[in-house]
N, C-alpha and C. Protein backbone atom coordinates (compact mmCIF):
# COMPACT_ATOMS: atom_id res chain seq x y z
N MET A 1 0.40 27.30 60.87
CA MET A 1 -0.07 25.96 60.20
C MET A 1 -1.52 25.78 60.24
N LYS A 2 -1.86 25.01 58.91
CA LYS A 2 -3.19 25.01 58.72
C LYS A 2 -3.75 23.92 59.83
N GLN A 3 -5.38 24.01 60.28
CA GLN A 3 -5.73 23.43 61.33
C GLN A 3 -6.65 22.38 60.60
N GLY A 4 -6.95 21.38 60.93
CA GLY A 4 -7.81 20.25 60.40
C GLY A 4 -9.19 20.08 61.60
N PRO A 5 -10.16 19.49 61.21
CA PRO A 5 -11.07 19.27 62.23
C PRO A 5 -10.72 18.95 63.72
N GLY A 6 -9.77 17.98 63.71
CA GLY A 6 -9.25 17.34 64.95
C GLY A 6 -8.64 18.37 65.70
N ASP A 7 -8.05 19.26 65.17
CA ASP A 7 -7.53 20.37 65.84
C ASP A 7 -8.61 21.20 66.43
N ASP A 8 -9.57 21.69 65.90
CA ASP A 8 -10.53 22.16 66.36
C ASP A 8 -11.25 21.72 67.45
N LEU A 9 -11.49 20.29 67.54
CA LEU A 9 -11.96 19.73 68.62
C LEU A 9 -11.09 19.90 69.78
N GLN A 10 -9.65 19.83 69.55
CA GLN A 10 -8.51 19.70 70.61
C GLN A 10 -8.53 21.16 71.24
N GLU A 11 -8.70 22.22 70.20
CA GLU A 11 -8.77 23.60 70.59
C GLU A 11 -10.29 23.87 71.54
N ALA A 12 -11.22 23.12 71.42
CA ALA A 12 -12.19 23.32 72.12
C ALA A 12 -12.18 22.84 73.36
N ALA A 13 -11.58 21.54 73.87
CA ALA A 13 -11.12 21.08 75.09
C ALA A 13 -10.27 21.85 75.52
N ARG A 14 -9.60 22.81 75.05
CA ARG A 14 -8.45 23.64 75.87
C ARG A 14 -8.98 25.14 76.31
N ALA A 15 -10.15 25.08 75.57
CA ALA A 15 -10.74 26.60 75.69
C ALA A 15 -11.23 27.19 77.22
N PRO A 16 -11.16 28.13 77.39
CA PRO A 16 -12.02 28.46 78.74
C PRO A 16 -13.27 27.84 79.06
N ALA A 17 -13.55 27.58 79.98
CA ALA A 17 -14.90 26.89 80.28
C ALA A 17 -15.57 27.50 81.39
N ALA A 18 -16.63 27.32 81.58
CA ALA A 18 -17.90 27.97 82.53
C ALA A 18 -17.61 26.96 83.63
N ASP A 19 -17.86 27.55 85.04
CA ASP A 19 -17.84 26.94 86.11
C ASP A 19 -19.03 25.82 86.29
N SER A 20 -19.08 24.94 87.28
CA SER A 20 -20.01 23.95 87.30
C SER A 20 -21.11 24.44 87.89
N GLY A 21 -21.22 25.50 88.52
CA GLY A 21 -22.28 26.34 89.33
C GLY A 21 -22.66 26.34 90.55
N ASP A 22 -21.52 25.46 91.04
CA ASP A 22 -21.29 25.13 92.60
C ASP A 22 -21.02 26.38 93.43
N GLY A 23 -20.82 27.61 92.93
CA GLY A 23 -20.19 28.81 93.32
C GLY A 23 -18.75 29.21 93.71
N ASP A 24 -18.10 28.03 93.90
CA ASP A 24 -16.70 28.13 94.76
C ASP A 24 -15.78 27.84 93.56
N GLY A 25 -16.09 27.86 92.58
CA GLY A 25 -14.83 28.02 91.24
C GLY A 25 -14.03 26.79 91.27
N ALA A 26 -14.38 25.76 92.36
CA ALA A 26 -13.08 24.67 91.84
C ALA A 26 -14.14 23.51 91.58
N GLY A 27 -15.38 23.43 90.87
CA GLY A 27 -15.89 22.49 90.44
C GLY A 27 -15.20 22.06 88.75
N PRO A 28 -15.72 20.81 88.46
CA PRO A 28 -15.43 20.51 86.92
C PRO A 28 -15.46 21.32 85.94
N ARG A 29 -14.84 21.63 85.20
CA ARG A 29 -15.06 22.60 83.99
C ARG A 29 -15.96 21.90 82.91
N ARG A 30 -17.01 22.52 82.32
CA ARG A 30 -17.23 22.24 81.09
C ARG A 30 -16.64 23.14 79.92
N VAL A 31 -16.83 22.42 78.91
CA VAL A 31 -16.56 22.80 77.35
C VAL A 31 -17.85 23.38 76.61
N PRO A 32 -17.54 24.80 76.56
CA PRO A 32 -18.60 25.65 75.86
C PRO A 32 -19.30 24.69 74.83
N ARG A 33 -20.43 24.80 75.01
CA ARG A 33 -21.50 23.79 73.71
C ARG A 33 -21.30 24.18 72.50
N ALA A 34 -21.12 25.54 72.21
CA ALA A 34 -20.50 26.36 70.93
C ALA A 34 -19.51 25.92 70.24
N ALA A 35 -18.38 25.46 71.21
CA ALA A 35 -16.93 25.17 70.60
C ALA A 35 -17.05 23.70 70.10
N PHE A 36 -17.85 22.76 70.70
CA PHE A 36 -17.93 21.36 70.14
C PHE A 36 -19.14 21.19 68.83
N ILE A 37 -19.87 21.99 69.11
CA ILE A 37 -20.80 22.23 67.72
C ILE A 37 -19.96 22.96 66.53
N SER A 38 -19.23 23.74 66.76
CA SER A 38 -18.26 24.17 65.60
C SER A 38 -17.16 23.19 65.22
N ALA A 39 -16.51 22.33 65.93
CA ALA A 39 -15.80 21.48 65.99
C ALA A 39 -16.38 20.15 65.23
N GLY A 40 -17.88 19.92 65.42
CA GLY A 40 -18.53 18.79 64.93
C GLY A 40 -18.74 19.10 63.39
N VAL A 41 -19.12 20.42 63.24
CA VAL A 41 -19.19 20.79 61.72
C VAL A 41 -18.05 20.88 60.91
N ALA A 42 -17.00 21.34 61.43
CA ALA A 42 -15.71 21.11 60.95
C ALA A 42 -15.34 19.63 60.44
N ALA A 43 -15.59 18.48 61.30
CA ALA A 43 -15.27 17.31 61.10
C ALA A 43 -16.47 16.76 59.81
N ALA A 44 -17.44 17.02 60.26
CA ALA A 44 -18.70 16.85 59.08
C ALA A 44 -18.24 17.24 57.64
N ALA A 45 -17.47 18.64 57.56
CA ALA A 45 -17.42 19.03 56.39
C ALA A 45 -16.15 18.47 55.82
N ALA A 46 -14.98 17.96 56.56
CA ALA A 46 -14.02 17.23 55.96
C ALA A 46 -14.54 15.82 55.52
N VAL A 47 -15.31 15.38 55.92
CA VAL A 47 -15.82 13.85 55.64
C VAL A 47 -16.54 14.09 54.04
N ALA A 48 -17.10 15.18 54.11
CA ALA A 48 -18.25 15.42 52.99
C ALA A 48 -17.07 15.72 52.14
N GLY A 49 -15.96 16.64 52.38
CA GLY A 49 -14.84 16.91 51.19
C GLY A 49 -14.41 15.57 50.91
N GLY A 50 -13.99 14.70 51.64
CA GLY A 50 -13.30 13.50 51.15
C GLY A 50 -14.24 13.02 50.25
N THR A 51 -15.68 12.80 50.62
CA THR A 51 -16.37 12.20 49.60
C THR A 51 -16.64 12.66 48.16
N ALA A 52 -16.83 13.85 48.33
CA ALA A 52 -16.63 15.11 46.80
C ALA A 52 -15.34 14.58 46.30
N TYR A 53 -14.27 14.53 47.05
CA TYR A 53 -12.72 14.33 46.19
C TYR A 53 -13.29 12.97 45.40
N LEU A 54 -13.35 11.74 46.13
CA LEU A 54 -13.42 10.58 45.56
C LEU A 54 -14.41 10.73 44.33
N VAL A 55 -15.55 11.23 44.43
CA VAL A 55 -16.51 11.22 43.12
C VAL A 55 -15.75 12.24 42.26
N GLU A 56 -15.36 13.19 42.70
CA GLU A 56 -14.49 14.13 41.32
C GLU A 56 -13.49 13.12 40.73
N ARG A 57 -12.91 12.41 41.78
CA ARG A 57 -11.37 11.74 41.15
C ARG A 57 -12.19 10.58 40.04
N SER A 58 -13.10 10.00 40.33
CA SER A 58 -13.93 8.96 39.56
C SER A 58 -14.39 9.51 38.34
N ARG A 59 -14.66 10.71 38.26
CA ARG A 59 -15.13 11.33 36.87
C ARG A 59 -14.05 11.54 36.42
N GLY A 60 -12.97 12.16 36.78
CA GLY A 60 -11.68 12.17 36.10
C GLY A 60 -11.22 11.07 35.37
N THR A 61 -11.21 9.95 35.99
CA THR A 61 -10.86 8.76 35.28
C THR A 61 -11.36 8.11 34.13
N GLY A 62 -12.81 8.59 34.07
CA GLY A 62 -13.78 8.36 33.39
C GLY A 62 -13.96 6.55 33.21
N LEU A 63 -13.56 5.91 34.02
CA LEU A 63 -13.72 4.32 34.22
C LEU A 63 -14.77 3.84 34.87
N THR A 64 -15.46 2.83 34.36
CA THR A 64 -16.71 2.14 35.32
C THR A 64 -16.63 0.87 34.66
N VAL A 65 -16.66 -0.01 35.70
CA VAL A 65 -16.68 -1.40 35.67
C VAL A 65 -17.96 -2.20 35.96
N ASN A 66 -18.70 -2.82 35.30
CA ASN A 66 -19.58 -3.65 35.66
C ASN A 66 -19.27 -4.96 36.47
N VAL A 67 -19.66 -5.19 37.55
CA VAL A 67 -19.34 -6.09 38.39
C VAL A 67 -20.87 -6.81 39.13
N ASN A 68 -20.78 -7.96 38.74
CA ASN A 68 -22.02 -8.78 39.31
C ASN A 68 -23.25 -8.09 38.62
N GLY A 69 -23.28 -7.66 37.41
CA GLY A 69 -24.35 -6.99 37.03
C GLY A 69 -24.51 -5.54 37.39
N ARG A 70 -23.93 -4.82 38.15
CA ARG A 70 -23.91 -3.51 38.43
C ARG A 70 -22.64 -2.73 37.79
N ASP A 71 -22.98 -1.53 37.25
CA ASP A 71 -21.96 -0.55 36.68
C ASP A 71 -21.28 0.11 38.29
N HIS A 72 -20.17 0.27 38.25
CA HIS A 72 -19.39 1.25 39.41
C HIS A 72 -18.33 2.11 38.60
N PRO A 73 -18.73 3.46 39.18
CA PRO A 73 -17.38 4.17 38.73
C PRO A 73 -16.24 3.85 39.47
N VAL A 74 -14.97 4.19 38.84
CA VAL A 74 -14.05 3.79 39.55
C VAL A 74 -12.97 5.27 39.76
N ALA A 75 -12.62 5.09 41.30
CA ALA A 75 -12.01 6.48 41.82
C ALA A 75 -10.43 6.20 41.69
N ALA A 76 -9.99 4.87 41.45
CA ALA A 76 -8.64 4.71 41.22
C ALA A 76 -8.09 5.08 40.09
N ALA A 77 -6.34 4.89 40.23
CA ALA A 77 -5.69 5.29 38.84
C ALA A 77 -6.05 3.99 37.75
N PRO A 78 -5.95 4.56 36.63
CA PRO A 78 -6.14 3.14 35.39
C PRO A 78 -5.50 2.16 35.66
N ASP A 79 -4.25 2.44 36.00
CA ASP A 79 -3.24 1.08 36.07
C ASP A 79 -3.08 0.23 37.44
N THR A 80 -4.36 0.50 38.01
CA THR A 80 -4.56 -0.11 39.57
C THR A 80 -4.92 -1.69 39.02
N PRO A 81 -4.45 -2.43 40.00
CA PRO A 81 -4.90 -3.89 39.70
C PRO A 81 -6.67 -4.02 40.01
N LEU A 82 -7.40 -4.78 39.19
CA LEU A 82 -8.65 -4.92 39.29
C LEU A 82 -9.05 -5.42 40.87
N LEU A 83 -8.35 -6.21 41.32
CA LEU A 83 -8.33 -6.76 43.12
C LEU A 83 -8.60 -5.69 43.66
N TYR A 84 -7.46 -4.64 43.52
CA TYR A 84 -7.65 -3.77 44.53
C TYR A 84 -8.94 -2.87 44.78
N VAL A 85 -9.66 -2.73 43.29
CA VAL A 85 -10.60 -1.79 43.19
C VAL A 85 -11.95 -2.49 43.62
N LEU A 86 -11.85 -3.78 43.41
CA LEU A 86 -12.91 -5.00 44.01
C LEU A 86 -13.06 -4.81 45.39
N ARG A 87 -11.87 -4.80 46.01
CA ARG A 87 -11.59 -5.02 47.57
C ARG A 87 -11.81 -3.56 48.29
N ASN A 88 -11.14 -2.87 47.70
CA ASN A 88 -11.04 -1.45 48.53
C ASN A 88 -12.04 -0.40 47.82
N GLU A 89 -12.67 -0.45 46.98
CA GLU A 89 -13.95 0.48 46.53
C GLU A 89 -15.31 0.00 46.54
N LEU A 90 -15.10 -1.44 46.00
CA LEU A 90 -16.49 -2.19 46.30
C LEU A 90 -16.83 -2.61 47.40
N GLY A 91 -15.75 -2.98 48.27
CA GLY A 91 -16.08 -3.70 49.59
C GLY A 91 -16.27 -5.35 49.27
N LEU A 92 -15.81 -6.00 48.33
CA LEU A 92 -16.16 -7.55 47.97
C LEU A 92 -14.77 -7.90 48.59
N ARG A 93 -15.07 -9.03 49.62
CA ARG A 93 -14.11 -9.85 50.20
C ARG A 93 -13.93 -11.28 49.55
N GLY A 94 -14.25 -11.49 48.52
CA GLY A 94 -14.46 -12.85 47.92
C GLY A 94 -13.07 -12.89 47.60
N PRO A 95 -12.84 -12.22 46.49
CA PRO A 95 -11.24 -12.27 45.69
C PRO A 95 -10.29 -12.02 46.74
N ARG A 96 -9.18 -13.09 47.01
CA ARG A 96 -8.21 -12.84 47.92
C ARG A 96 -6.59 -12.04 47.51
N PHE A 97 -5.94 -11.47 47.89
CA PHE A 97 -4.55 -11.05 47.49
C PHE A 97 -3.85 -12.35 48.08
N GLY A 98 -3.04 -12.97 47.51
CA GLY A 98 -2.30 -13.89 47.92
C GLY A 98 -1.01 -13.71 47.52
N CYS A 99 -0.43 -13.61 46.07
CA CYS A 99 0.99 -13.43 46.02
C CYS A 99 1.25 -12.25 45.19
N GLY A 100 0.06 -11.74 44.33
CA GLY A 100 0.47 -10.42 43.70
C GLY A 100 0.91 -10.41 42.41
N LEU A 101 1.28 -12.18 41.98
CA LEU A 101 2.18 -12.40 40.71
C LEU A 101 1.31 -13.07 39.79
N ALA A 102 0.04 -13.51 39.92
CA ALA A 102 -0.60 -14.45 39.50
C ALA A 102 -0.33 -15.82 39.29
N GLU A 103 0.35 -16.25 40.57
CA GLU A 103 0.74 -17.48 40.76
C GLU A 103 0.01 -18.37 41.81
N CYS A 104 -0.95 -17.68 42.58
CA CYS A 104 -1.31 -18.69 43.61
C CYS A 104 -2.99 -18.87 43.23
N GLY A 105 -3.92 -18.06 42.12
CA GLY A 105 -5.06 -18.08 42.28
C GLY A 105 -6.08 -17.51 43.21
N ALA A 106 -5.46 -17.20 44.34
CA ALA A 106 -6.65 -16.76 45.17
C ALA A 106 -7.51 -15.74 44.92
N CYS A 107 -7.02 -14.72 43.85
CA CYS A 107 -7.79 -13.71 43.51
C CYS A 107 -8.46 -13.70 42.07
N THR A 108 -8.57 -14.93 41.69
CA THR A 108 -9.21 -15.20 40.55
C THR A 108 -10.65 -14.94 40.51
N VAL A 109 -11.35 -14.09 39.36
CA VAL A 109 -12.56 -13.79 38.96
C VAL A 109 -12.85 -14.05 37.65
N HIS A 110 -14.13 -13.67 37.02
CA HIS A 110 -14.26 -14.06 35.84
C HIS A 110 -14.54 -12.77 34.84
N LEU A 111 -14.11 -12.74 33.89
CA LEU A 111 -14.23 -11.56 32.83
C LEU A 111 -14.85 -12.39 31.39
N ASP A 112 -16.33 -11.96 31.42
CA ASP A 112 -17.35 -12.65 30.47
C ASP A 112 -16.87 -14.05 30.33
N GLY A 113 -16.95 -14.53 31.76
CA GLY A 113 -16.98 -16.09 32.06
C GLY A 113 -15.63 -16.49 31.86
N VAL A 114 -14.66 -16.09 31.63
CA VAL A 114 -13.45 -16.71 31.83
C VAL A 114 -12.65 -16.35 33.03
N ALA A 115 -11.76 -17.26 33.47
CA ALA A 115 -11.41 -16.81 34.71
C ALA A 115 -9.88 -16.37 34.44
N VAL A 116 -9.90 -15.04 35.10
CA VAL A 116 -8.60 -14.38 35.12
C VAL A 116 -8.01 -13.84 36.66
N ARG A 117 -6.86 -13.61 36.60
CA ARG A 117 -6.09 -13.42 37.88
C ARG A 117 -6.35 -11.79 38.01
N SER A 118 -7.26 -11.56 39.15
CA SER A 118 -7.21 -9.85 39.12
C SER A 118 -6.31 -9.12 39.62
N CYS A 119 -5.39 -9.81 40.14
CA CYS A 119 -4.23 -9.00 40.96
C CYS A 119 -2.95 -8.48 39.82
N VAL A 120 -3.38 -9.16 38.71
CA VAL A 120 -2.53 -8.45 37.68
C VAL A 120 -3.61 -7.98 36.46
N THR A 121 -4.60 -7.51 36.47
CA THR A 121 -5.52 -7.53 35.42
C THR A 121 -5.86 -6.06 36.06
N ARG A 122 -5.03 -5.03 34.79
CA ARG A 122 -5.33 -3.47 35.28
C ARG A 122 -6.99 -3.06 34.92
N VAL A 123 -7.53 -2.29 35.97
CA VAL A 123 -8.57 -1.81 35.69
C VAL A 123 -9.06 -1.30 34.48
N ASP A 124 -8.52 -0.50 34.04
CA ASP A 124 -8.70 -0.10 32.64
C ASP A 124 -8.49 -1.03 31.24
N SER A 125 -8.22 -2.29 31.83
CA SER A 125 -8.41 -3.25 30.86
C SER A 125 -9.78 -4.27 30.81
N VAL A 126 -10.35 -3.83 31.32
CA VAL A 126 -11.64 -4.26 31.96
C VAL A 126 -12.47 -3.94 30.64
N GLY A 127 -12.59 -3.10 30.37
CA GLY A 127 -13.51 -2.30 29.18
C GLY A 127 -14.89 -2.56 29.53
N ASN A 128 -15.73 -3.36 28.60
CA ASN A 128 -17.04 -3.11 28.81
C ASN A 128 -17.28 -4.82 29.12
N ARG A 129 -16.54 -5.43 29.33
CA ARG A 129 -16.36 -6.95 29.92
C ARG A 129 -17.09 -6.99 31.21
N GLN A 130 -18.01 -8.07 31.38
CA GLN A 130 -18.69 -8.43 33.01
C GLN A 130 -17.69 -9.10 34.01
N VAL A 131 -17.74 -8.32 35.19
CA VAL A 131 -16.64 -8.80 36.03
C VAL A 131 -17.68 -9.85 37.14
N THR A 132 -17.56 -10.95 37.22
CA THR A 132 -17.88 -11.90 38.05
C THR A 132 -17.12 -12.20 39.45
N THR A 133 -17.34 -11.77 40.34
CA THR A 133 -16.56 -12.11 41.74
C THR A 133 -17.78 -13.38 42.28
N ILE A 134 -17.00 -14.20 43.17
CA ILE A 134 -17.62 -15.29 44.06
C ILE A 134 -18.96 -14.85 44.61
N GLU A 135 -18.97 -13.50 45.24
CA GLU A 135 -20.27 -12.75 45.40
C GLU A 135 -21.18 -13.10 44.51
N GLY A 136 -21.17 -12.54 43.36
CA GLY A 136 -22.15 -12.90 42.23
C GLY A 136 -22.18 -14.35 41.59
N LEU A 137 -21.50 -15.24 41.90
CA LEU A 137 -21.82 -16.59 41.69
C LEU A 137 -22.79 -17.30 42.13
N GLY A 138 -23.13 -17.15 43.25
CA GLY A 138 -24.42 -17.48 43.82
C GLY A 138 -24.79 -16.91 45.44
N THR A 139 -25.75 -16.99 46.25
CA THR A 139 -25.86 -16.39 47.28
C THR A 139 -26.25 -17.48 48.11
N PRO A 140 -26.08 -17.26 49.58
CA PRO A 140 -26.29 -17.96 50.80
C PRO A 140 -27.66 -18.92 50.54
N SER A 141 -28.54 -18.11 49.91
CA SER A 141 -29.92 -18.80 49.95
C SER A 141 -30.24 -19.55 48.63
N ASN A 142 -29.41 -19.18 47.80
CA ASN A 142 -29.30 -19.93 46.48
C ASN A 142 -27.99 -19.92 45.91
N PRO A 143 -27.46 -20.86 46.41
CA PRO A 143 -25.60 -20.97 46.17
C PRO A 143 -25.38 -21.75 44.91
N HIS A 144 -24.40 -21.27 44.06
CA HIS A 144 -23.98 -22.17 42.81
C HIS A 144 -23.74 -23.59 43.38
N PRO A 145 -24.33 -24.54 42.35
CA PRO A 145 -23.75 -25.79 42.50
C PRO A 145 -22.40 -26.10 43.01
N LEU A 146 -21.64 -25.36 42.65
CA LEU A 146 -20.22 -25.77 43.26
C LEU A 146 -20.05 -25.40 44.36
N GLN A 147 -20.46 -24.26 44.74
CA GLN A 147 -20.54 -23.85 45.98
C GLN A 147 -21.20 -24.69 47.11
N LYS A 148 -22.30 -25.08 46.64
CA LYS A 148 -23.06 -26.37 47.66
C LYS A 148 -22.16 -27.47 47.76
N ALA A 149 -21.68 -27.87 46.61
CA ALA A 149 -20.84 -29.14 46.58
C ALA A 149 -19.48 -28.76 47.59
N PHE A 150 -18.80 -27.79 47.16
CA PHE A 150 -17.83 -27.53 48.31
C PHE A 150 -18.46 -27.69 49.72
N ILE A 151 -19.43 -27.14 49.98
CA ILE A 151 -20.02 -27.05 51.60
C ILE A 151 -20.14 -28.61 51.90
N ASP A 152 -20.79 -29.40 50.80
CA ASP A 152 -21.35 -30.46 51.26
C ASP A 152 -19.98 -31.84 51.24
N GLN A 153 -19.16 -31.64 50.60
CA GLN A 153 -17.83 -32.29 50.68
C GLN A 153 -16.50 -31.66 51.67
N GLN A 154 -16.80 -30.66 52.33
CA GLN A 154 -16.18 -30.16 53.40
C GLN A 154 -14.86 -29.60 52.69
N ALA A 155 -15.05 -29.28 51.46
CA ALA A 155 -13.69 -29.00 50.68
C ALA A 155 -12.80 -27.63 51.39
N ALA A 156 -13.30 -27.01 51.92
CA ALA A 156 -12.48 -25.95 52.67
C ALA A 156 -11.76 -26.05 54.14
N GLN A 157 -10.60 -25.81 54.26
CA GLN A 157 -9.92 -25.81 55.46
C GLN A 157 -9.84 -24.74 55.80
N CYS A 158 -8.87 -23.87 55.87
CA CYS A 158 -8.62 -22.35 56.02
C CYS A 158 -9.45 -21.41 55.26
N GLY A 159 -9.73 -21.65 54.05
CA GLY A 159 -10.70 -21.35 53.16
C GLY A 159 -10.22 -20.24 52.52
N TYR A 160 -8.60 -19.68 52.38
CA TYR A 160 -8.22 -18.82 51.94
C TYR A 160 -8.24 -18.92 50.42
N CYS A 161 -8.11 -20.21 49.81
CA CYS A 161 -7.71 -20.39 48.35
C CYS A 161 -8.63 -20.82 47.87
N ILE A 162 -10.24 -21.03 48.31
CA ILE A 162 -11.14 -21.32 48.08
C ILE A 162 -11.78 -20.55 47.08
N ASN A 163 -11.85 -19.18 47.01
CA ASN A 163 -12.29 -18.39 46.01
C ASN A 163 -11.90 -18.42 44.69
N GLY A 164 -10.40 -18.74 44.80
CA GLY A 164 -9.93 -19.15 43.24
C GLY A 164 -10.53 -20.69 42.78
N MET A 165 -10.40 -21.43 43.83
CA MET A 165 -10.82 -22.77 43.31
C MET A 165 -12.25 -22.80 42.68
N LEU A 166 -12.98 -22.23 43.39
CA LEU A 166 -14.36 -22.22 42.96
C LEU A 166 -14.70 -21.29 41.76
N MET A 167 -13.95 -20.29 41.71
CA MET A 167 -14.15 -19.62 40.15
C MET A 167 -13.27 -19.96 39.17
N THR A 168 -12.36 -20.81 39.48
CA THR A 168 -11.66 -21.44 38.56
C THR A 168 -12.26 -22.73 37.90
N ALA A 169 -13.13 -23.43 38.94
CA ALA A 169 -13.78 -24.42 38.64
C ALA A 169 -14.62 -24.52 37.55
N ALA A 170 -15.62 -23.46 38.20
CA ALA A 170 -16.77 -22.88 37.55
C ALA A 170 -16.65 -22.26 36.22
N ALA A 171 -15.84 -21.86 35.84
CA ALA A 171 -15.22 -21.30 34.66
C ALA A 171 -14.84 -22.59 33.35
N PHE A 172 -14.04 -23.36 34.32
CA PHE A 172 -13.71 -24.82 33.52
C PHE A 172 -14.76 -25.56 33.25
N LEU A 173 -15.91 -25.81 34.03
CA LEU A 173 -16.96 -26.69 33.82
C LEU A 173 -18.12 -26.15 32.95
N LYS A 174 -17.73 -24.76 32.67
CA LYS A 174 -18.80 -24.31 31.74
C LYS A 174 -18.36 -24.19 30.51
N SER A 175 -17.14 -24.61 30.16
CA SER A 175 -16.16 -24.74 28.92
C SER A 175 -16.20 -26.21 28.58
N LYS A 176 -16.26 -27.15 29.82
CA LYS A 176 -16.08 -28.61 29.51
C LYS A 176 -16.76 -29.26 30.53
N PRO A 177 -18.01 -29.08 30.34
CA PRO A 177 -19.10 -29.95 31.25
C PRO A 177 -18.61 -31.25 32.19
N ARG A 178 -18.19 -32.14 31.17
CA ARG A 178 -17.92 -33.63 31.58
C ARG A 178 -16.24 -33.96 31.24
N PRO A 179 -15.49 -33.24 32.18
CA PRO A 179 -14.16 -33.53 32.34
C PRO A 179 -13.68 -34.91 32.79
N THR A 180 -12.56 -35.42 32.51
CA THR A 180 -11.88 -36.72 33.26
C THR A 180 -11.52 -35.88 34.76
N ASP A 181 -11.00 -36.72 35.61
CA ASP A 181 -10.14 -36.42 36.69
C ASP A 181 -9.09 -35.73 36.26
N ALA A 182 -8.30 -36.40 35.21
CA ALA A 182 -7.00 -35.77 35.12
C ALA A 182 -7.11 -34.31 34.70
N GLU A 183 -8.33 -34.17 33.93
CA GLU A 183 -8.68 -32.74 33.02
C GLU A 183 -8.81 -31.74 34.71
N ILE A 184 -9.93 -32.33 35.46
CA ILE A 184 -10.10 -31.36 36.65
C ILE A 184 -8.60 -31.09 37.31
N LYS A 185 -7.91 -32.13 37.69
CA LYS A 185 -6.47 -31.79 38.18
C LYS A 185 -5.71 -30.56 37.70
N SER A 186 -5.80 -30.78 36.20
CA SER A 186 -5.05 -30.12 35.25
C SER A 186 -5.48 -28.57 35.35
N ALA A 187 -6.73 -28.50 35.35
CA ALA A 187 -7.31 -26.73 35.46
C ALA A 187 -7.05 -26.43 36.81
N LEU A 188 -7.08 -27.11 37.86
CA LEU A 188 -6.76 -26.64 38.98
C LEU A 188 -5.41 -26.31 39.47
N ALA A 189 -4.57 -27.27 38.57
CA ALA A 189 -3.07 -27.06 38.97
C ALA A 189 -2.37 -25.61 39.35
N GLY A 190 -2.80 -24.57 38.82
CA GLY A 190 -2.44 -23.34 38.97
C GLY A 190 -2.90 -22.67 40.41
N ASN A 191 -3.94 -23.34 41.00
CA ASN A 191 -4.70 -22.70 42.15
C ASN A 191 -3.80 -23.55 43.33
N LEU A 192 -3.20 -22.63 44.18
CA LEU A 192 -2.35 -23.31 45.07
C LEU A 192 -3.29 -23.49 46.41
N CYS A 193 -3.05 -24.49 47.30
CA CYS A 193 -3.39 -24.81 48.53
C CYS A 193 -2.50 -25.53 49.36
N ARG A 194 -2.32 -24.54 50.64
CA ARG A 194 -1.42 -25.27 51.55
C ARG A 194 -1.91 -26.19 52.54
N CYS A 195 -3.35 -26.17 52.74
CA CYS A 195 -4.22 -27.06 53.37
C CYS A 195 -4.20 -28.56 53.03
N GLY A 196 -3.97 -28.80 52.15
CA GLY A 196 -4.11 -30.10 51.49
C GLY A 196 -5.39 -30.67 51.45
N SER A 197 -6.68 -29.80 51.17
CA SER A 197 -7.85 -30.79 50.96
C SER A 197 -8.05 -30.86 49.17
N HIS A 198 -7.05 -31.16 48.71
CA HIS A 198 -7.27 -31.43 47.22
C HIS A 198 -8.25 -32.31 46.88
N TYR A 199 -8.08 -33.53 47.39
CA TYR A 199 -8.96 -34.69 47.29
C TYR A 199 -10.02 -34.46 47.53
N ARG A 200 -10.85 -33.71 48.53
CA ARG A 200 -11.95 -33.17 48.71
C ARG A 200 -12.54 -32.06 47.79
N ILE A 201 -11.80 -31.14 47.30
CA ILE A 201 -12.17 -30.20 46.15
C ILE A 201 -12.14 -30.88 45.07
N LEU A 202 -11.57 -32.18 44.97
CA LEU A 202 -11.76 -32.83 43.64
C LEU A 202 -12.97 -33.73 43.69
N ARG A 203 -13.51 -34.29 44.74
CA ARG A 203 -14.88 -34.58 44.82
C ARG A 203 -15.92 -33.75 44.81
N ALA A 204 -15.87 -32.45 45.19
CA ALA A 204 -16.78 -31.75 44.80
C ALA A 204 -17.12 -31.19 43.84
N VAL A 205 -15.80 -30.91 42.83
CA VAL A 205 -16.09 -30.46 41.38
C VAL A 205 -16.86 -32.02 40.65
N LYS A 206 -16.30 -33.31 41.05
CA LYS A 206 -17.02 -34.56 40.45
C LYS A 206 -18.33 -34.64 40.80
N ALA A 207 -18.66 -34.15 41.99
CA ALA A 207 -20.41 -34.04 42.38
C ALA A 207 -21.09 -33.41 41.63
N VAL A 208 -20.53 -32.21 41.25
CA VAL A 208 -21.50 -31.44 40.29
C VAL A 208 -21.44 -32.19 39.25
N ILE A 209 -20.62 -32.59 38.48
CA ILE A 209 -20.56 -32.93 37.47
C ILE A 209 -21.86 -34.16 37.17
N SER A 210 -21.49 -35.04 38.21
CA SER A 210 -22.50 -36.34 38.22
C SER A 210 -23.95 -35.90 38.74
N ALA A 211 -24.00 -34.46 38.86
CA ALA A 211 -25.28 -34.17 39.71
C ALA A 211 -26.35 -34.31 38.18
């Protein structure tokens, strides 16, 4: 059976070892240094091989997505949901997995400024469009006006839905800067929140409009 790097390390631990040097042969046993070095080299090679595999796989797909102003090669299969690429490959934790069916809005991102549900958007359908996540909407030192308003109005409770609320509201206000209360409610109707902070969310959006 073929061994992996972990097997080499276990083999090193079982290998005959030198005495502790006290002369009676009953002291603690030491694993030969060369065995540990060999196992470490094998483990490093395995990690490097895995990295090379991902790079090679991304070359094979030929896919690249522009996220928050930077191009990123895609290692995942072309039919992978954009959400999985954003979270698993790019390490972006703003977009959340909620329902996986485009029903709750927690995964909302922007494609060329338009709010879309990334859980049902295939990564190969993105093309040359610009993907913006909440990480690209603003920064802790320079937050987007909506982000600041949500903080000021304490619009988040558990916070799980807030990514989608913010991204949906930002795209909506860009297309309609002076909406009515009814229009705001209608625009956010597809974003589900179980905490019940809807009135604070509405106040936050209205605060940006009146600013």
